[in-house]
């Protein structure tokens, strides 16, 4: 039987599913202490049980994005806050190559923020 998170990826249209699966690999490659769960019906990625990002898609455009939990503490020109006060998103085009180096640096920063939260 498939886990709920695996079922999430299978339920997506092919281009979005492929995009999310590639993101999943990048997230796990960012740090060996990253774990995966489902929260709010979204894949959630944690560093030592502290959520640092989610995968989701825009309800209007269906574009996939990475939602960074502590996005308000991150400064990158492509991060959008919208009407969120704490979180920011990084939109992706599922029909284009992923900007892997940008994503990796954003993940590193987000994990670092989670590490700092654990230390406090």
C-alpha atoms as a PDB file:
ATOM      1  CA  UNK A   1       0.000   0.000   0.000  1.00  0.00           C
ATOM      2  CA  UNK A   2       1.263   3.459  -0.921  1.00  0.00           C
ATOM      3  CA  UNK A   3       1.941   6.128   1.651  1.00  0.00           C
ATOM      4  CA  UNK A   4      -0.277   9.214   1.502  1.00  0.00           C
ATOM      5  CA  UNK A   5       2.626  11.357   0.303  1.00  0.00           C
ATOM      6  CA  UNK A   6       3.423   8.940  -2.544  1.00  0.00           C
ATOM      7  CA  UNK A   7      -0.247   8.959  -3.537  1.00  0.00           C
ATOM      8  CA  UNK A   8      -0.102  12.772  -3.685  1.00  0.00           C
ATOM      9  CA  UNK A   9       2.605  12.625  -6.366  1.00  0.00           C
ATOM     10  CA  UNK A  10       0.763   9.977  -8.372  1.00  0.00           C
ATOM     11  CA  UNK A  11      -2.460  12.011  -8.374  1.00  0.00           C
ATOM     12  CA  UNK A  12      -0.875  14.965 -10.205  1.00  0.00           C
ATOM     13  CA  UNK A  13      -0.855  15.571 -13.942  1.00  0.00           C
ATOM     14  CA  UNK A  14       2.352  14.173 -15.458  1.00  0.00           C
ATOM     15  CA  UNK A  15       4.306  17.427 -15.911  1.00  0.00           C
ATOM     16  CA  UNK A  16       3.494  18.593 -12.380  1.00  0.00           C
ATOM     17  CA  UNK A  17       4.177  15.171 -10.909  1.00  0.00           C
ATOM     18  CA  UNK A  18       7.594  15.084 -12.594  1.00  0.00           C
ATOM     19  CA  UNK A  19       8.350  18.587 -11.317  1.00  0.00           C
ATOM     20  CA  UNK A  20       7.351  17.662  -7.747  1.00  0.00           C
ATOM     21  CA  UNK A  21       9.362  14.421  -7.865  1.00  0.00           C
ATOM     22  CA  UNK A  22      12.456  16.307  -9.044  1.00  0.00           C
ATOM     23  CA  UNK A  23      11.938  18.829  -6.229  1.00  0.00           C
ATOM     24  CA  UNK A  24      11.593  15.970  -3.770  1.00  0.00           C
ATOM     25  CA  UNK A  25      15.015  14.684  -4.831  1.00  0.00           C
ATOM     26  CA  UNK A  26      16.580  18.138  -4.434  1.00  0.00           C
ATOM     27  CA  UNK A  27      15.041  18.521  -0.987  1.00  0.00           C
ATOM     28  CA  UNK A  28      16.360  15.163   0.231  1.00  0.00           C
ATOM     29  CA  UNK A  29      19.779  15.946  -1.256  1.00  0.00           C
ATOM     30  CA  UNK A  30      19.940  19.221   0.695  1.00  0.00           C
ATOM     31  CA  UNK A  31      20.532  17.517   4.069  1.00  0.00           C
ATOM     32  CA  UNK A  32      20.586  13.948   5.369  1.00  0.00           C
ATOM     33  CA  UNK A  33      18.328  14.880   8.313  1.00  0.00           C
ATOM     34  CA  UNK A  34      15.398  15.916   6.110  1.00  0.00           C
ATOM     35  CA  UNK A  35      12.193  13.938   6.601  1.00  0.00           C
ATOM     36  CA  UNK A  36       8.924  13.916   4.667  1.00  0.00           C
ATOM     37  CA  UNK A  37       5.343  13.846   5.886  1.00  0.00           C
ATOM     38  CA  UNK A  38       1.922  15.117   4.885  1.00  0.00           C
ATOM     39  CA  UNK A  39       0.481  18.209   6.574  1.00  0.00           C
ATOM     40  CA  UNK A  40      -2.569  20.122   5.370  1.00  0.00           C
ATOM     41  CA  UNK A  41      -2.787  17.596   2.486  1.00  0.00           C
ATOM     42  CA  UNK A  42       0.595  18.792   1.175  1.00  0.00           C
ATOM     43  CA  UNK A  43       4.010  17.128   1.187  1.00  0.00           C
ATOM     44  CA  UNK A  44       5.853  18.726   4.092  1.00  0.00           C
ATOM     45  CA  UNK A  45       9.617  18.603   4.587  1.00  0.00           C
ATOM     46  CA  UNK A  46      11.121  18.854   8.045  1.00  0.00           C
ATOM     47  CA  UNK A  47      14.550  19.202   9.538  1.00  0.00           C
ATOM     48  CA  UNK A  48      14.557  17.380  12.884  1.00  0.00           C
ATOM     49  CA  UNK A  49      10.755  17.662  13.053  1.00  0.00           C
ATOM     50  CA  UNK A  50      10.721  21.412  12.224  1.00  0.00           C
ATOM     51  CA  UNK A  51       8.867  22.109   8.974  1.00  0.00           C
ATOM     52  CA  UNK A  52      10.894  24.228   6.571  1.00  0.00           C
ATOM     53  CA  UNK A  53       9.054  23.820   3.246  1.00  0.00           C
ATOM     54  CA  UNK A  54       5.998  22.379   1.521  1.00  0.00           C
ATOM     55  CA  UNK A  55       5.179  21.495  -2.082  1.00  0.00           C
ATOM     56  CA  UNK A  56       1.921  22.794  -3.501  1.00  0.00           C
ATOM     57  CA  UNK A  57       0.354  24.410  -6.547  1.00  0.00           C
ATOM     58  CA  UNK A  58      -1.477  27.641  -7.217  1.00  0.00           C
ATOM     59  CA  UNK A  59      -5.245  27.196  -7.118  1.00  0.00           C
ATOM     60  CA  UNK A  60      -5.813  29.467 -10.132  1.00  0.00           C
ATOM     61  CA  UNK A  61      -2.890  28.721 -12.451  1.00  0.00           C
ATOM     62  CA  UNK A  62      -2.059  25.207 -11.166  1.00  0.00           C
ATOM     63  CA  UNK A  63       1.637  26.175 -11.223  1.00  0.00           C
ATOM     64  CA  UNK A  64       3.666  24.174  -8.719  1.00  0.00           C
ATOM     65  CA  UNK A  65       5.653  25.995  -6.075  1.00  0.00           C
ATOM     66  CA  UNK A  66       7.793  25.517  -3.001  1.00  0.00           C
ATOM     67  CA  UNK A  67       6.412  27.217   0.084  1.00  0.00           C
ATOM     68  CA  UNK A  68       9.123  28.251   2.554  1.00  0.00           C
ATOM     69  CA  UNK A  69       7.909  28.331   6.162  1.00  0.00           C
ATOM     70  CA  UNK A  70      10.281  31.093   7.281  1.00  0.00           C
ATOM     71  CA  UNK A  71      10.153  32.910   3.956  1.00  0.00           C
ATOM     72  CA  UNK A  72       9.813  36.281   5.665  1.00  0.00           C
ATOM     73  CA  UNK A  73      13.413  35.821   6.832  1.00  0.00           C
ATOM     74  CA  UNK A  74      14.630  34.959   3.328  1.00  0.00           C
ATOM     75  CA  UNK A  75      15.633  37.569   0.785  1.00  0.00           C
ATOM     76  CA  UNK A  76      15.486  36.434  -2.832  1.00  0.00           C
ATOM     77  CA  UNK A  77      13.973  38.430  -5.734  1.00  0.00           C
ATOM     78  CA  UNK A  78      11.883  35.483  -6.992  1.00  0.00           C
ATOM     79  CA  UNK A  79      10.258  34.715  -3.643  1.00  0.00           C
ATOM     80  CA  UNK A  80       6.662  35.965  -3.374  1.00  0.00           C
ATOM     81  CA  UNK A  81       4.819  36.637  -0.146  1.00  0.00           C
ATOM     82  CA  UNK A  82       1.398  37.451  -1.600  1.00  0.00           C
ATOM     83  CA  UNK A  83      -0.939  37.937   1.346  1.00  0.00           C
ATOM     84  CA  UNK A  84       1.160  35.720   3.620  1.00  0.00           C
ATOM     85  CA  UNK A  85       2.913  37.352   6.563  1.00  0.00           C
ATOM     86  CA  UNK A  86       5.430  34.620   7.368  1.00  0.00           C
ATOM     87  CA  UNK A  87       5.746  32.302   4.377  1.00  0.00           C
ATOM     88  CA  UNK A  88       6.955  32.922   0.842  1.00  0.00           C
ATOM     89  CA  UNK A  89       6.684  30.847  -2.304  1.00  0.00           C
ATOM     90  CA  UNK A  90       8.996  30.086  -5.201  1.00  0.00           C
ATOM     91  CA  UNK A  91       6.984  29.397  -8.374  1.00  0.00           C
ATOM     92  CA  UNK A  92       8.083  26.850 -10.940  1.00  0.00           C
ATOM     93  CA  UNK A  93       7.265  26.150 -14.559  1.00  0.00           C
ATOM     94  CA  UNK A  94       6.599  22.395 -14.817  1.00  0.00           C
ATOM     95  CA  UNK A  95       7.376  22.495 -18.549  1.00  0.00           C
ATOM     96  CA  UNK A  96      10.892  23.957 -18.130  1.00  0.00           C
ATOM     97  CA  UNK A  97      14.099  22.785 -16.533  1.00  0.00           C
ATOM     98  CA  UNK A  98      14.237  23.482 -12.823  1.00  0.00           C
ATOM     99  CA  UNK A  99      16.651  26.212 -11.694  1.00  0.00           C
ATOM    100  CA  UNK A 100      18.487  23.661  -9.531  1.00  0.00           C
ATOM    101  CA  UNK A 101      21.199  25.938  -8.160  1.00  0.00           C
ATOM    102  CA  UNK A 102      18.644  28.569  -7.093  1.00  0.00           C
ATOM    103  CA  UNK A 103      16.423  25.941  -5.492  1.00  0.00           C
ATOM    104  CA  UNK A 104      19.383  24.351  -3.720  1.00  0.00           C
ATOM    105  CA  UNK A 105      20.512  27.681  -2.274  1.00  0.00           C
ATOM    106  CA  UNK A 106      16.955  28.490  -1.120  1.00  0.00           C
ATOM    107  CA  UNK A 107      16.673  25.056   0.505  1.00  0.00           C
ATOM    108  CA  UNK A 108      20.035  25.502   2.235  1.00  0.00           C
ATOM    109  CA  UNK A 109      18.904  28.853   3.608  1.00  0.00           C
ATOM    110  CA  UNK A 110      15.539  27.471   4.724  1.00  0.00           C
ATOM    111  CA  UNK A 111      17.163  24.490   6.480  1.00  0.00           C
ATOM    112  CA  UNK A 112      19.612  26.849   8.158  1.00  0.00           C
ATOM    113  CA  UNK A 113      16.685  28.855   9.543  1.00  0.00           C
ATOM    114  CA  UNK A 114      15.127  25.623  10.872  1.00  0.00           C
ATOM    115  CA  UNK A 115      18.464  24.671  12.480  1.00  0.00           C
ATOM    116  CA  UNK A 116      18.645  28.061  14.183  1.00  0.00           C
ATOM    117  CA  UNK A 117      15.117  27.586  15.513  1.00  0.00           C
ATOM    118  CA  UNK A 118      16.126  24.226  17.036  1.00  0.00           C
ATOM    119  CA  UNK A 119      19.175  25.757  18.738  1.00  0.00           C
ATOM    120  CA  UNK A 120      17.063  28.362  20.567  1.00  0.00           C
END
